[in-house]
Amino acid sequence: MTTRADVAAMIDHTLLKPEATHAQVAELAAEAERLGTFSICVSPSMLPVAVPEGVAVATVVGFPSGAVHPSIKAAEAAQAISQGADEVDMVINLALAKEGRWDDLRDEIAEIKQACGNALLKVIIESAALTDAEIVACCRAAEAAGADFVKTSTGFHPAGGASVHAVKLMSETVGGRLGVKASGGIRTPEAALAMIEAGATRLGLSASAAILDGLPDEESAQ
């Protein structure tokens, strides 16, 4: 049985609202320690941010539209890493996917990956805005570019967030060679577990506490 601690260790505890304050980010970091989440995920303007030992820092670049020049995303990534980010979640240029420009998409991702150095790169593809074939091609471009994860969604696109179908398709495409992050609209324990069952290896959650409170702890799971 998947326990509360199992799920917590997969969570990027997220606060990306444009109006979020530094005080709220500090509260997020403290809550991450209390909940046992893998990381916090915050806007790059919040960096550097103090986190408890054992809590990683993730940030976003090209967020939320992805419709900026790759050099700008690369500069964002490099600055974020210089300010303490351990992981970068980049948004792809969706026009490249919709136009089938897969080599250009690969090159964009590769440029940001190079800027990340040793930091981990997750590639947000906005799966709800893509066809199945486009999802598969985006995942292949991300893998070819050297990315570490593919990620479903920003949580800000009108097409919607993560779906079990998209996570399963992404997981099957990367075959365990990359991680799969499900993010966007996951608000219940049942939804979180369904994403994990479909192949998610990381979860982007803002409702982390409520979701974890609905899961069994180690003792009750035995």
C-alpha atoms as a PDB file:
ATOM      1  CA  MET A   1       0.000   0.000   0.000  1.00  0.00           C
ATOM      2  CA  THR A   2       1.226   3.503  -0.836  1.00  0.00           C
ATOM      3  CA  THR A   3       1.608   5.407   2.426  1.00  0.00           C
ATOM      4  CA  ARG A   4       1.511   9.065   3.352  1.00  0.00           C
ATOM      5  CA  ALA A   5       5.307   9.148   3.580  1.00  0.00           C
ATOM      6  CA  ASP A   6       5.661   7.491   0.162  1.00  0.00           C
ATOM      7  CA  VAL A   7       3.548  10.172  -1.491  1.00  0.00           C
ATOM      8  CA  ALA A   8       5.119  13.041   0.476  1.00  0.00           C
ATOM      9  CA  ALA A   9       8.554  12.057  -0.833  1.00  0.00           C
ATOM     10  CA  MET A  10       7.254  12.536  -4.392  1.00  0.00           C
ATOM     11  CA  ILE A  11       5.763  16.006  -3.897  1.00  0.00           C
ATOM     12  CA  ASP A  12       6.998  19.351  -5.186  1.00  0.00           C
ATOM     13  CA  HIS A  13       5.073  21.496  -2.664  1.00  0.00           C
ATOM     14  CA  THR A  14       4.042  24.339  -4.933  1.00  0.00           C
ATOM     15  CA  LEU A  15       3.153  28.017  -4.663  1.00  0.00           C
ATOM     16  CA  LEU A  16       3.168  29.799  -8.023  1.00  0.00           C
ATOM     17  CA  LYS A  17       0.341  32.304  -7.640  1.00  0.00           C
ATOM     18  CA  PRO A  18       1.486  35.661  -9.040  1.00  0.00           C
ATOM     19  CA  GLU A  19       0.352  37.422  -5.868  1.00  0.00           C
ATOM     20  CA  ALA A  20       2.227  35.087  -3.501  1.00  0.00           C
ATOM     21  CA  THR A  21       4.370  36.917  -0.959  1.00  0.00           C
ATOM     22  CA  HIS A  22       7.790  36.136   0.484  1.00  0.00           C
ATOM     23  CA  ALA A  23       6.107  35.458   3.835  1.00  0.00           C
ATOM     24  CA  GLN A  24       3.870  32.856   2.195  1.00  0.00           C
ATOM     25  CA  VAL A  25       6.893  31.214   0.565  1.00  0.00           C
ATOM     26  CA  ALA A  26       8.584  31.039   3.971  1.00  0.00           C
ATOM     27  CA  GLU A  27       5.454  29.339   5.315  1.00  0.00           C
ATOM     28  CA  LEU A  28       5.547  26.940   2.346  1.00  0.00           C
ATOM     29  CA  ALA A  29       9.114  25.950   3.194  1.00  0.00           C
ATOM     30  CA  ALA A  30       8.237  25.335   6.831  1.00  0.00           C
ATOM     31  CA  GLU A  31       5.215  23.289   5.810  1.00  0.00           C
ATOM     32  CA  ALA A  32       7.348  21.243   3.407  1.00  0.00           C
ATOM     33  CA  GLU A  33       9.555  20.200   6.320  1.00  0.00           C
ATOM     34  CA  ARG A  34       6.542  19.333   8.455  1.00  0.00           C
ATOM     35  CA  LEU A  35       4.906  17.306   5.677  1.00  0.00           C
ATOM     36  CA  GLY A  36       8.102  15.628   4.512  1.00  0.00           C
ATOM     37  CA  THR A  37       7.789  16.743   0.871  1.00  0.00           C
ATOM     38  CA  PHE A  38      10.641  16.360  -1.580  1.00  0.00           C
ATOM     39  CA  SER A  39      10.830  20.041  -2.462  1.00  0.00           C
ATOM     40  CA  ILE A  40       9.142  23.385  -2.725  1.00  0.00           C
ATOM     41  CA  CYS A  41       8.420  24.908  -6.144  1.00  0.00           C
ATOM     42  CA  VAL A  42       8.271  28.698  -6.284  1.00  0.00           C
ATOM     43  CA  SER A  43       8.532  31.551  -8.764  1.00  0.00           C
ATOM     44  CA  PRO A  44      12.086  32.600  -9.706  1.00  0.00           C
ATOM     45  CA  SER A  45      11.547  36.061  -8.214  1.00  0.00           C
ATOM     46  CA  MET A  46      11.331  34.385  -4.796  1.00  0.00           C
ATOM     47  CA  LEU A  47      14.915  33.116  -4.998  1.00  0.00           C
ATOM     48  CA  PRO A  48      17.050  32.754  -3.047  1.00  0.00           C
ATOM     49  CA  VAL A  49      14.808  31.139  -0.447  1.00  0.00           C
ATOM     50  CA  ALA A  50      15.813  29.572   2.849  1.00  0.00           C
ATOM     51  CA  VAL A  51      14.685  25.953   3.160  1.00  0.00           C
ATOM     52  CA  PRO A  52      15.099  23.378   5.911  1.00  0.00           C
ATOM     53  CA  GLU A  53      17.783  20.751   5.448  1.00  0.00           C
ATOM     54  CA  GLY A  54      16.603  17.966   3.161  1.00  0.00           C
ATOM     55  CA  VAL A  55      14.092  20.102   1.226  1.00  0.00           C
ATOM     56  CA  ALA A  56      15.049  20.833  -2.395  1.00  0.00           C
ATOM     57  CA  VAL A  57      14.203  24.037  -4.246  1.00  0.00           C
ATOM     58  CA  ALA A  58      12.526  23.976  -7.655  1.00  0.00           C
ATOM     59  CA  THR A  59      11.550  26.947  -9.783  1.00  0.00           C
ATOM     60  CA  VAL A  60       9.936  27.661 -13.151  1.00  0.00           C
ATOM     61  CA  VAL A  61      11.179  29.334 -16.338  1.00  0.00           C
ATOM     62  CA  GLY A  62       9.245  30.607 -19.336  1.00  0.00           C
ATOM     63  CA  PHE A  63       6.248  30.358 -17.033  1.00  0.00           C
ATOM     64  CA  PRO A  64       3.373  30.019 -17.650  1.00  0.00           C
ATOM     65  CA  SER A  65       3.061  30.596 -21.420  1.00  0.00           C
ATOM     66  CA  GLY A  66       6.376  29.225 -22.709  1.00  0.00           C
ATOM     67  CA  ALA A  67       6.142  31.717 -25.550  1.00  0.00           C
ATOM     68  CA  VAL A  68       9.470  33.448 -24.997  1.00  0.00           C
ATOM     69  CA  HIS A  69      12.817  33.040 -26.750  1.00  0.00           C
ATOM     70  CA  PRO A  70      14.901  30.028 -25.672  1.00  0.00           C
ATOM     71  CA  SER A  71      17.789  32.343 -24.749  1.00  0.00           C
ATOM     72  CA  ILE A  72      15.532  34.089 -22.233  1.00  0.00           C
ATOM     73  CA  LYS A  73      14.522  30.762 -20.687  1.00  0.00           C
ATOM     74  CA  ALA A  74      18.172  29.729 -20.547  1.00  0.00           C
ATOM     75  CA  ALA A  75      19.104  32.997 -18.829  1.00  0.00           C
ATOM     76  CA  GLU A  76      16.270  32.515 -16.349  1.00  0.00           C
ATOM     77  CA  ALA A  77      17.456  29.004 -15.614  1.00  0.00           C
ATOM     78  CA  ALA A  78      21.077  30.045 -15.127  1.00  0.00           C
ATOM     79  CA  GLN A  79      20.112  32.885 -12.797  1.00  0.00           C
ATOM     80  CA  ALA A  80      17.765  30.653 -10.807  1.00  0.00           C
ATOM     81  CA  ILE A  81      20.485  28.067 -10.316  1.00  0.00           C
ATOM     82  CA  SER A  82      22.946  30.753  -9.236  1.00  0.00           C
ATOM     83  CA  GLN A  83      20.364  31.745  -6.616  1.00  0.00           C
ATOM     84  CA  GLY A  84      20.009  28.261  -5.191  1.00  0.00           C
ATOM     85  CA  ALA A  85      17.519  26.371  -7.363  1.00  0.00           C
ATOM     86  CA  ASP A  86      18.170  22.630  -7.463  1.00  0.00           C
ATOM     87  CA  GLU A  87      15.598  21.912 -10.178  1.00  0.00           C
ATOM     88  CA  VAL A  88      14.107  23.869 -13.076  1.00  0.00           C
ATOM     89  CA  ASP A  89      10.656  23.315 -14.596  1.00  0.00           C
ATOM     90  CA  MET A  90      10.603  24.885 -18.068  1.00  0.00           C
ATOM     91  CA  VAL A  91       7.544  25.486 -20.228  1.00  0.00           C
ATOM     92  CA  ILE A  92       7.977  24.528 -23.868  1.00  0.00           C
ATOM     93  CA  ASN A  93       7.043  26.811 -26.735  1.00  0.00           C
ATOM     94  CA  LEU A  94       3.713  25.188 -27.545  1.00  0.00           C
ATOM     95  CA  ALA A  95       3.711  26.647 -31.064  1.00  0.00           C
ATOM     96  CA  LEU A  96       6.635  24.365 -31.903  1.00  0.00           C
ATOM     97  CA  ALA A  97       4.576  21.342 -30.844  1.00  0.00           C
ATOM     98  CA  LYS A  98       1.432  22.443 -32.659  1.00  0.00           C
ATOM     99  CA  GLU A  99       3.468  23.105 -35.827  1.00  0.00           C
ATOM    100  CA  GLY A 100       5.292  19.785 -35.592  1.00  0.00           C
ATOM    101  CA  ARG A 101       8.716  21.445 -35.371  1.00  0.00           C
ATOM    102  CA  TRP A 102      10.228  18.676 -33.292  1.00  0.00           C
ATOM    103  CA  ASP A 103      13.880  19.398 -34.064  1.00  0.00           C
ATOM    104  CA  ASP A 104      13.367  23.015 -33.017  1.00  0.00           C
ATOM    105  CA  LEU A 105      11.652  21.879 -29.828  1.00  0.00           C
ATOM    106  CA  ARG A 106      14.503  19.499 -29.069  1.00  0.00           C
ATOM    107  CA  ASP A 107      16.992  22.326 -29.618  1.00  0.00           C
ATOM    108  CA  GLU A 108      15.043  24.655 -27.315  1.00  0.00           C
ATOM    109  CA  ILE A 109      15.011  22.104 -24.515  1.00  0.00           C
ATOM    110  CA  ALA A 110      18.697  21.312 -25.067  1.00  0.00           C
ATOM    111  CA  GLU A 111      19.603  24.996 -24.704  1.00  0.00           C
ATOM    112  CA  ILE A 112      17.866  25.220 -21.354  1.00  0.00           C
ATOM    113  CA  LYS A 113      19.364  21.890 -20.266  1.00  0.00           C
ATOM    114  CA  GLN A 114      22.833  23.208 -21.008  1.00  0.00           C
ATOM    115  CA  ALA A 115      22.107  26.295 -18.908  1.00  0.00           C
ATOM    116  CA  CYS A 116      20.998  24.047 -16.042  1.00  0.00           C
ATOM    117  CA  GLY A 117      24.376  22.365 -15.700  1.00  0.00           C
ATOM    118  CA  ASN A 118      24.020  19.715 -13.016  1.00  0.00           C
ATOM    119  CA  ALA A 119      20.569  20.928 -11.946  1.00  0.00           C
ATOM    120  CA  LEU A 120      17.624  18.725 -12.857  1.00  0.00           C
ATOM    121  CA  LEU A 121      15.405  19.846 -15.758  1.00  0.00           C
ATOM    122  CA  LYS A 122      11.691  19.103 -16.023  1.00  0.00           C
ATOM    123  CA  VAL A 123       9.904  19.878 -19.299  1.00  0.00           C
ATOM    124  CA  ILE A 124       6.320  21.121 -19.049  1.00  0.00           C
ATOM    125  CA  ILE A 125       4.418  20.160 -22.198  1.00  0.00           C
ATOM    126  CA  GLU A 126       0.831  21.300 -21.329  1.00  0.00           C
ATOM    127  CA  SER A 127      -0.531  17.853 -22.157  1.00  0.00           C
ATOM    128  CA  ALA A 128      -4.169  18.965 -22.023  1.00  0.00           C
ATOM    129  CA  ALA A 129      -3.532  21.250 -25.010  1.00  0.00           C
ATOM    130  CA  LEU A 130      -1.943  18.472 -27.103  1.00  0.00           C
ATOM    131  CA  THR A 131      -3.071  15.434 -29.060  1.00  0.00           C
ATOM    132  CA  ASP A 132      -1.768  12.021 -28.053  1.00  0.00           C
ATOM    133  CA  ALA A 133       0.663  12.057 -30.966  1.00  0.00           C
ATOM    134  CA  GLU A 134       1.932  15.480 -29.920  1.00  0.00           C
ATOM    135  CA  ILE A 135       2.381  14.318 -26.319  1.00  0.00           C
ATOM    136  CA  VAL A 136       4.485  11.381 -27.505  1.00  0.00           C
ATOM    137  CA  ALA A 137       6.572  13.576 -29.800  1.00  0.00           C
ATOM    138  CA  CYS A 138       7.151  16.149 -27.040  1.00  0.00           C
ATOM    139  CA  CYS A 139       8.360  13.423 -24.705  1.00  0.00           C
ATOM    140  CA  ARG A 140      10.719  12.097 -27.366  1.00  0.00           C
ATOM    141  CA  ALA A 141      12.090  15.592 -28.001  1.00  0.00           C
ATOM    142  CA  ALA A 142      12.647  16.095 -24.261  1.00  0.00           C
ATOM    143  CA  GLU A 143      14.505  12.797 -23.987  1.00  0.00           C
ATOM    144  CA  ALA A 144      16.621  13.544 -27.060  1.00  0.00           C
ATOM    145  CA  ALA A 145      17.536  16.922 -25.552  1.00  0.00           C
ATOM    146  CA  GLY A 146      18.788  15.367 -22.324  1.00  0.00           C
ATOM    147  CA  ALA A 147      15.953  16.428 -20.017  1.00  0.00           C
ATOM    148  CA  ASP A 148      15.445  14.599 -16.730  1.00  0.00           C
ATOM    149  CA  PHE A 149      11.623  14.735 -16.466  1.00  0.00           C
ATOM    150  CA  VAL A 150       8.568  15.414 -18.549  1.00  0.00           C
ATOM    151  CA  LYS A 151       5.751  17.240 -16.787  1.00  0.00           C
ATOM    152  CA  THR A 152       2.089  17.485 -17.702  1.00  0.00           C
ATOM    153  CA  SER A 153       1.038  21.033 -16.973  1.00  0.00           C
ATOM    154  CA  THR A 154       1.593  24.491 -15.551  1.00  0.00           C
ATOM    155  CA  GLY A 155      -1.818  24.474 -13.900  1.00  0.00           C
ATOM    156  CA  PHE A 156      -2.531  27.811 -15.590  1.00  0.00           C
ATOM    157  CA  HIS A 157      -3.591  26.722 -19.098  1.00  0.00           C
ATOM    158  CA  PRO A 158      -7.327  26.941 -19.886  1.00  0.00           C
ATOM    159  CA  ALA A 159      -7.203  23.475 -21.495  1.00  0.00           C
ATOM    160  CA  GLY A 160      -6.720  21.966 -18.032  1.00  0.00           C
ATOM    161  CA  GLY A 161      -4.147  20.156 -15.943  1.00  0.00           C
ATOM    162  CA  ALA A 162      -2.944  16.609 -15.484  1.00  0.00           C
ATOM    163  CA  SER A 163      -4.971  13.585 -16.569  1.00  0.00           C
ATOM    164  CA  VAL A 164      -4.430   9.898 -15.884  1.00  0.00           C
ATOM    165  CA  HIS A 165      -4.473   9.262 -19.627  1.00  0.00           C
ATOM    166  CA  ALA A 166      -1.706  11.788 -20.327  1.00  0.00           C
ATOM    167  CA  VAL A 167       0.467  10.554 -17.456  1.00  0.00           C
ATOM    168  CA  LYS A 168       0.126   6.961 -18.624  1.00  0.00           C
ATOM    169  CA  LEU A 169       1.010   7.917 -22.200  1.00  0.00           C
ATOM    170  CA  MET A 170       4.000   9.978 -21.071  1.00  0.00           C
ATOM    171  CA  SER A 171       5.207   7.189 -18.789  1.00  0.00           C
ATOM    172  CA  GLU A 172       4.936   4.604 -21.548  1.00  0.00           C
ATOM    173  CA  THR A 173       6.820   6.886 -23.948  1.00  0.00           C
ATOM    174  CA  VAL A 174       9.796   7.613 -21.684  1.00  0.00           C
ATOM    175  CA  GLY A 175       9.875   4.040 -20.376  1.00  0.00           C
ATOM    176  CA  GLY A 176      11.470   4.882 -17.039  1.00  0.00           C
ATOM    177  CA  ARG A 177      14.405   6.684 -18.680  1.00  0.00           C
ATOM    178  CA  LEU A 178      12.955  10.036 -17.585  1.00  0.00           C
ATOM    179  CA  GLY A 179      10.809  10.889 -14.622  1.00  0.00           C
ATOM    180  CA  VAL A 180       7.164  11.894 -15.099  1.00  0.00           C
ATOM    181  CA  LYS A 181       5.690  14.764 -13.094  1.00  0.00           C
ATOM    182  CA  ALA A 182       1.922  15.111 -12.844  1.00  0.00           C
ATOM    183  CA  SER A 183       0.849  18.641 -12.000  1.00  0.00           C
ATOM    184  CA  GLY A 184      -2.245  20.774 -12.305  1.00  0.00           C
ATOM    185  CA  GLY A 185      -5.639  20.195 -10.737  1.00  0.00           C
ATOM    186  CA  ILE A 186      -4.644  17.334  -8.410  1.00  0.00           C
ATOM    187  CA  ARG A 187      -6.621  18.098  -5.267  1.00  0.00           C
ATOM    188  CA  THR A 188      -7.623  14.788  -3.643  1.00  0.00           C
ATOM    189  CA  PRO A 189      -5.797  11.728  -2.280  1.00  0.00           C
ATOM    190  CA  GLU A 190      -7.593   9.601  -4.855  1.00  0.00           C
ATOM    191  CA  ALA A 191      -6.400  11.779  -7.726  1.00  0.00           C
ATOM    192  CA  ALA A 192      -2.808  11.720  -6.451  1.00  0.00           C
ATOM    193  CA  LEU A 193      -2.824   7.929  -6.140  1.00  0.00           C
ATOM    194  CA  ALA A 194      -4.332   7.578  -9.618  1.00  0.00           C
ATOM    195  CA  MET A 195      -1.488   9.643 -11.078  1.00  0.00           C
ATOM    196  CA  ILE A 196       1.083   7.472  -9.314  1.00  0.00           C
ATOM    197  CA  GLU A 197      -0.644   4.325 -10.543  1.00  0.00           C
ATOM    198  CA  ALA A 198      -0.507   5.735 -14.087  1.00  0.00           C
ATOM    199  CA  GLY A 199       3.245   6.200 -13.832  1.00  0.00           C
ATOM    200  CA  ALA A 200       3.921   9.569 -12.181  1.00  0.00           C
ATOM    201  CA  THR A 201       7.183   9.662 -10.248  1.00  0.00           C
ATOM    202  CA  ARG A 202       6.736  13.224  -9.000  1.00  0.00           C
ATOM    203  CA  LEU A 203       3.647  15.254  -8.122  1.00  0.00           C
ATOM    204  CA  GLY A 204       3.262  19.021  -8.293  1.00  0.00           C
ATOM    205  CA  LEU A 205       0.747  19.908  -5.587  1.00  0.00           C
ATOM    206  CA  SER A 206      -0.467  23.061  -3.888  1.00  0.00           C
ATOM    207  CA  ALA A 207      -2.994  21.130  -1.758  1.00  0.00           C
ATOM    208  CA  SER A 208      -0.272  18.879  -0.335  1.00  0.00           C
ATOM    209  CA  ALA A 209      -1.433  18.977   3.273  1.00  0.00           C
ATOM    210  CA  ALA A 210      -5.051  18.110   2.505  1.00  0.00           C
ATOM    211  CA  ILE A 211      -4.019  15.290   0.171  1.00  0.00           C
ATOM    212  CA  LEU A 212      -1.523  13.796   2.611  1.00  0.00           C
ATOM    213  CA  ASP A 213      -4.031  14.004   5.480  1.00  0.00           C
ATOM    214  CA  GLY A 214      -6.252  11.638   3.497  1.00  0.00           C
ATOM    215  CA  LEU A 215      -3.592   8.943   3.117  1.00  0.00           C
ATOM    216  CA  PRO A 216      -2.673   6.157   5.562  1.00  0.00           C
ATOM    217  CA  ASP A 217       0.469   6.463   7.638  1.00  0.00           C
ATOM    218  CA  GLU A 218       2.986   3.654   7.947  1.00  0.00           C
ATOM    219  CA  GLU A 219       1.331   2.010  10.930  1.00  0.00           C
ATOM    220  CA  SER A 220      -2.224   1.996   9.611  1.00  0.00           C
ATOM    221  CA  ALA A 221      -1.006   0.677   6.254  1.00  0.00           C
ATOM    222  CA  GLN A 222       0.372  -2.485   7.839  1.00  0.00           C
END
